[in-house]
Amino acid sequence: MAKIIHYRDKCIGCSVCFEMQPEIWRMSKKDGKATLLKAIEKKNIYILPLHPSIESLTNDVAKSCPVKIIKIV
């Protein structure tokens, strides 16, 4: 199964991920960065299994991120 990898510390808070896919992203009120919901954090990298039903949209989100910190592996 594919996974979403989010390098949150490099996020600039543009909110494109949240705007495109609000069901799995939130914008933090504390620091203005995107948060990948239900993700597991390992060394400030957030990982979430990617359900096949949202894979296409999530790929579009990753491509739309201006700082390229969302990866699908």
N, C-alpha and C. Protein backbone atom coordinates (compact mmCIF):
# COMPACT_ATOMS: atom_id res chain seq x y z
N MET A 1 0.85 -1.19 0.00
CA MET A 1 0.00 0.00 0.00
C MET A 1 0.89 1.25 0.00
N ALA A 2 0.49 2.23 -0.76
CA ALA A 2 1.23 3.49 -0.84
C ALA A 2 1.07 4.27 0.47
N LYS A 3 2.00 5.21 0.66
CA LYS A 3 1.98 6.05 1.86
C LYS A 3 2.17 7.51 1.46
N ILE A 4 1.60 8.39 2.27
CA ILE A 4 1.84 9.82 2.14
C ILE A 4 2.95 10.16 3.12
N ILE A 5 3.97 10.85 2.63
CA ILE A 5 5.06 11.33 3.48
C ILE A 5 4.99 12.85 3.48
N HIS A 6 4.94 13.45 4.66
CA HIS A 6 4.84 14.91 4.78
C HIS A 6 5.99 15.42 5.63
N TYR A 7 6.81 16.26 5.04
CA TYR A 7 7.95 16.88 5.73
C TYR A 7 7.47 18.21 6.32
N ARG A 8 6.76 18.12 7.43
CA ARG A 8 6.04 19.26 8.00
C ARG A 8 6.96 20.42 8.37
N ASP A 9 8.15 20.16 8.83
CA ASP A 9 9.04 21.25 9.26
C ASP A 9 9.40 22.20 8.12
N LYS A 10 9.25 21.74 6.87
CA LYS A 10 9.57 22.57 5.71
C LYS A 10 8.33 23.24 5.11
N CYS A 11 7.18 23.02 5.73
CA CYS A 11 5.91 23.59 5.24
C CYS A 11 5.94 25.12 5.35
N ILE A 12 5.40 25.79 4.32
CA ILE A 12 5.34 27.25 4.33
C ILE A 12 3.92 27.76 4.62
N GLY A 13 2.98 26.85 4.82
CA GLY A 13 1.62 27.24 5.19
C GLY A 13 0.79 27.83 4.08
N CYS A 14 1.02 27.43 2.85
CA CYS A 14 0.27 27.99 1.72
C CYS A 14 -1.18 27.50 1.69
N SER A 15 -1.47 26.38 2.32
CA SER A 15 -2.79 25.75 2.48
C SER A 15 -3.35 25.08 1.22
N VAL A 16 -2.56 24.91 0.19
CA VAL A 16 -3.07 24.27 -1.03
C VAL A 16 -3.51 22.83 -0.74
N CYS A 17 -2.80 22.12 0.12
CA CYS A 17 -3.17 20.74 0.44
C CYS A 17 -4.54 20.71 1.14
N PHE A 18 -4.73 21.60 2.10
CA PHE A 18 -6.00 21.66 2.82
C PHE A 18 -7.15 22.06 1.89
N GLU A 19 -6.90 23.02 1.01
CA GLU A 19 -7.94 23.46 0.08
C GLU A 19 -8.35 22.36 -0.89
N MET A 20 -7.38 21.55 -1.32
CA MET A 20 -7.66 20.49 -2.29
C MET A 20 -8.20 19.22 -1.65
N GLN A 21 -7.80 18.95 -0.40
CA GLN A 21 -8.15 17.67 0.23
C GLN A 21 -8.39 17.86 1.74
N PRO A 22 -9.43 18.59 2.11
CA PRO A 22 -9.67 18.91 3.52
C PRO A 22 -9.98 17.69 4.40
N GLU A 23 -10.30 16.57 3.78
CA GLU A 23 -10.62 15.38 4.58
C GLU A 23 -9.38 14.78 5.26
N ILE A 24 -8.17 15.10 4.77
CA ILE A 24 -6.98 14.56 5.43
C ILE A 24 -5.96 15.62 5.86
N TRP A 25 -6.24 16.89 5.58
CA TRP A 25 -5.32 17.97 5.95
C TRP A 25 -6.04 19.01 6.80
N ARG A 26 -5.29 19.62 7.73
CA ARG A 26 -5.76 20.76 8.51
C ARG A 26 -4.63 21.77 8.58
N MET A 27 -4.99 23.02 8.77
CA MET A 27 -4.00 24.07 8.96
C MET A 27 -3.92 24.35 10.46
N SER A 28 -2.72 24.30 11.01
CA SER A 28 -2.52 24.51 12.43
C SER A 28 -2.72 25.97 12.81
N LYS A 29 -3.47 26.20 13.88
CA LYS A 29 -3.65 27.56 14.38
C LYS A 29 -2.42 28.00 15.16
N LYS A 30 -1.61 27.05 15.62
CA LYS A 30 -0.42 27.38 16.41
C LYS A 30 0.70 27.95 15.54
N ASP A 31 1.01 27.27 14.43
CA ASP A 31 2.16 27.70 13.62
C ASP A 31 1.83 27.96 12.16
N GLY A 32 0.57 27.78 11.75
CA GLY A 32 0.16 28.07 10.39
C GLY A 32 0.56 27.04 9.35
N LYS A 33 1.12 25.91 9.80
CA LYS A 33 1.56 24.86 8.87
C LYS A 33 0.47 23.81 8.70
N ALA A 34 0.59 23.05 7.61
CA ALA A 34 -0.36 21.97 7.35
C ALA A 34 -0.08 20.78 8.26
N THR A 35 -1.15 20.11 8.66
CA THR A 35 -1.06 18.91 9.48
C THR A 35 -1.76 17.78 8.75
N LEU A 36 -1.07 16.67 8.59
CA LEU A 36 -1.64 15.47 7.97
C LEU A 36 -2.37 14.70 9.06
N LEU A 37 -3.69 14.66 8.97
CA LEU A 37 -4.50 14.04 10.01
C LEU A 37 -4.25 12.54 10.13
N LYS A 38 -4.22 12.06 11.37
CA LYS A 38 -4.07 10.63 11.71
C LYS A 38 -2.72 10.06 11.27
N ALA A 39 -1.76 10.91 10.98
CA ALA A 39 -0.43 10.45 10.56
C ALA A 39 0.42 10.09 11.77
N ILE A 40 1.37 9.22 11.54
CA ILE A 40 2.33 8.84 12.57
C ILE A 40 3.60 9.66 12.33
N GLU A 41 4.11 10.26 13.41
CA GLU A 41 5.29 11.11 13.31
C GLU A 41 6.54 10.32 13.66
N LYS A 42 7.55 10.42 12.80
CA LYS A 42 8.86 9.80 13.04
C LYS A 42 9.92 10.82 12.66
N LYS A 43 10.62 11.36 13.65
CA LYS A 43 11.69 12.34 13.43
C LYS A 43 11.21 13.54 12.61
N ASN A 44 10.04 14.05 13.00
CA ASN A 44 9.43 15.23 12.36
C ASN A 44 9.01 15.00 10.91
N ILE A 45 8.84 13.74 10.54
CA ILE A 45 8.29 13.37 9.24
C ILE A 45 6.99 12.62 9.53
N TYR A 46 5.93 12.99 8.84
CA TYR A 46 4.61 12.41 9.11
C TYR A 46 4.25 11.44 8.00
N ILE A 47 3.77 10.26 8.41
CA ILE A 47 3.50 9.17 7.47
C ILE A 47 2.07 8.67 7.69
N LEU A 48 1.36 8.50 6.58
CA LEU A 48 -0.01 8.01 6.62
C LEU A 48 -0.23 7.04 5.46
N PRO A 49 -0.76 5.83 5.74
CA PRO A 49 -1.11 4.93 4.65
C PRO A 49 -2.13 5.60 3.73
N LEU A 50 -1.95 5.42 2.45
CA LEU A 50 -2.80 6.07 1.45
C LEU A 50 -3.84 5.09 0.92
N HIS A 51 -5.09 5.41 1.19
CA HIS A 51 -6.17 4.56 0.70
C HIS A 51 -6.29 4.71 -0.82
N PRO A 52 -6.44 3.60 -1.55
CA PRO A 52 -6.50 3.68 -3.03
C PRO A 52 -7.59 4.61 -3.57
N SER A 53 -8.67 4.79 -2.83
CA SER A 53 -9.77 5.63 -3.32
C SER A 53 -9.41 7.11 -3.39
N ILE A 54 -8.37 7.55 -2.67
CA ILE A 54 -7.98 8.96 -2.71
C ILE A 54 -6.59 9.15 -3.31
N GLU A 55 -6.04 8.09 -3.88
CA GLU A 55 -4.66 8.16 -4.39
C GLU A 55 -4.50 9.19 -5.52
N SER A 56 -5.42 9.24 -6.44
CA SER A 56 -5.31 10.16 -7.57
C SER A 56 -5.31 11.62 -7.10
N LEU A 57 -6.27 11.96 -6.23
CA LEU A 57 -6.35 13.32 -5.71
C LEU A 57 -5.11 13.66 -4.88
N THR A 58 -4.64 12.71 -4.08
CA THR A 58 -3.46 12.95 -3.25
C THR A 58 -2.22 13.17 -4.11
N ASN A 59 -2.11 12.48 -5.22
CA ASN A 59 -1.02 12.73 -6.17
C ASN A 59 -1.09 14.16 -6.70
N ASP A 60 -2.29 14.62 -7.00
CA ASP A 60 -2.47 16.00 -7.47
C ASP A 60 -2.07 17.01 -6.39
N VAL A 61 -2.42 16.70 -5.14
CA VAL A 61 -2.05 17.56 -4.02
C VAL A 61 -0.53 17.64 -3.91
N ALA A 62 0.13 16.49 -3.97
CA ALA A 62 1.59 16.45 -3.87
C ALA A 62 2.24 17.27 -4.99
N LYS A 63 1.70 17.17 -6.19
CA LYS A 63 2.25 17.93 -7.33
C LYS A 63 1.99 19.43 -7.18
N SER A 64 0.92 19.80 -6.47
CA SER A 64 0.55 21.20 -6.31
C SER A 64 1.31 21.90 -5.19
N CYS A 65 1.92 21.14 -4.30
CA CYS A 65 2.65 21.73 -3.18
C CYS A 65 3.83 22.54 -3.73
N PRO A 66 3.89 23.86 -3.45
CA PRO A 66 4.93 24.69 -4.03
C PRO A 66 6.34 24.38 -3.52
N VAL A 67 6.45 23.77 -2.34
CA VAL A 67 7.79 23.45 -1.81
C VAL A 67 8.10 21.95 -1.88
N LYS A 68 7.20 21.19 -2.51
CA LYS A 68 7.41 19.75 -2.79
C LYS A 68 7.78 18.94 -1.54
N ILE A 69 6.99 19.15 -0.46
CA ILE A 69 7.26 18.43 0.79
C ILE A 69 6.26 17.32 1.06
N ILE A 70 5.39 17.04 0.09
CA ILE A 70 4.44 15.94 0.17
C ILE A 70 4.87 14.90 -0.87
N LYS A 71 5.13 13.70 -0.41
CA LYS A 71 5.59 12.62 -1.30
C LYS A 71 4.64 11.43 -1.19
N ILE A 72 4.47 10.73 -2.30
CA ILE A 72 3.71 9.49 -2.33
C ILE A 72 4.70 8.38 -2.65
N VAL A 73 4.80 7.41 -1.74
CA VAL A 73 5.75 6.28 -1.97
C VAL A 73 5.04 4.96 -1.83
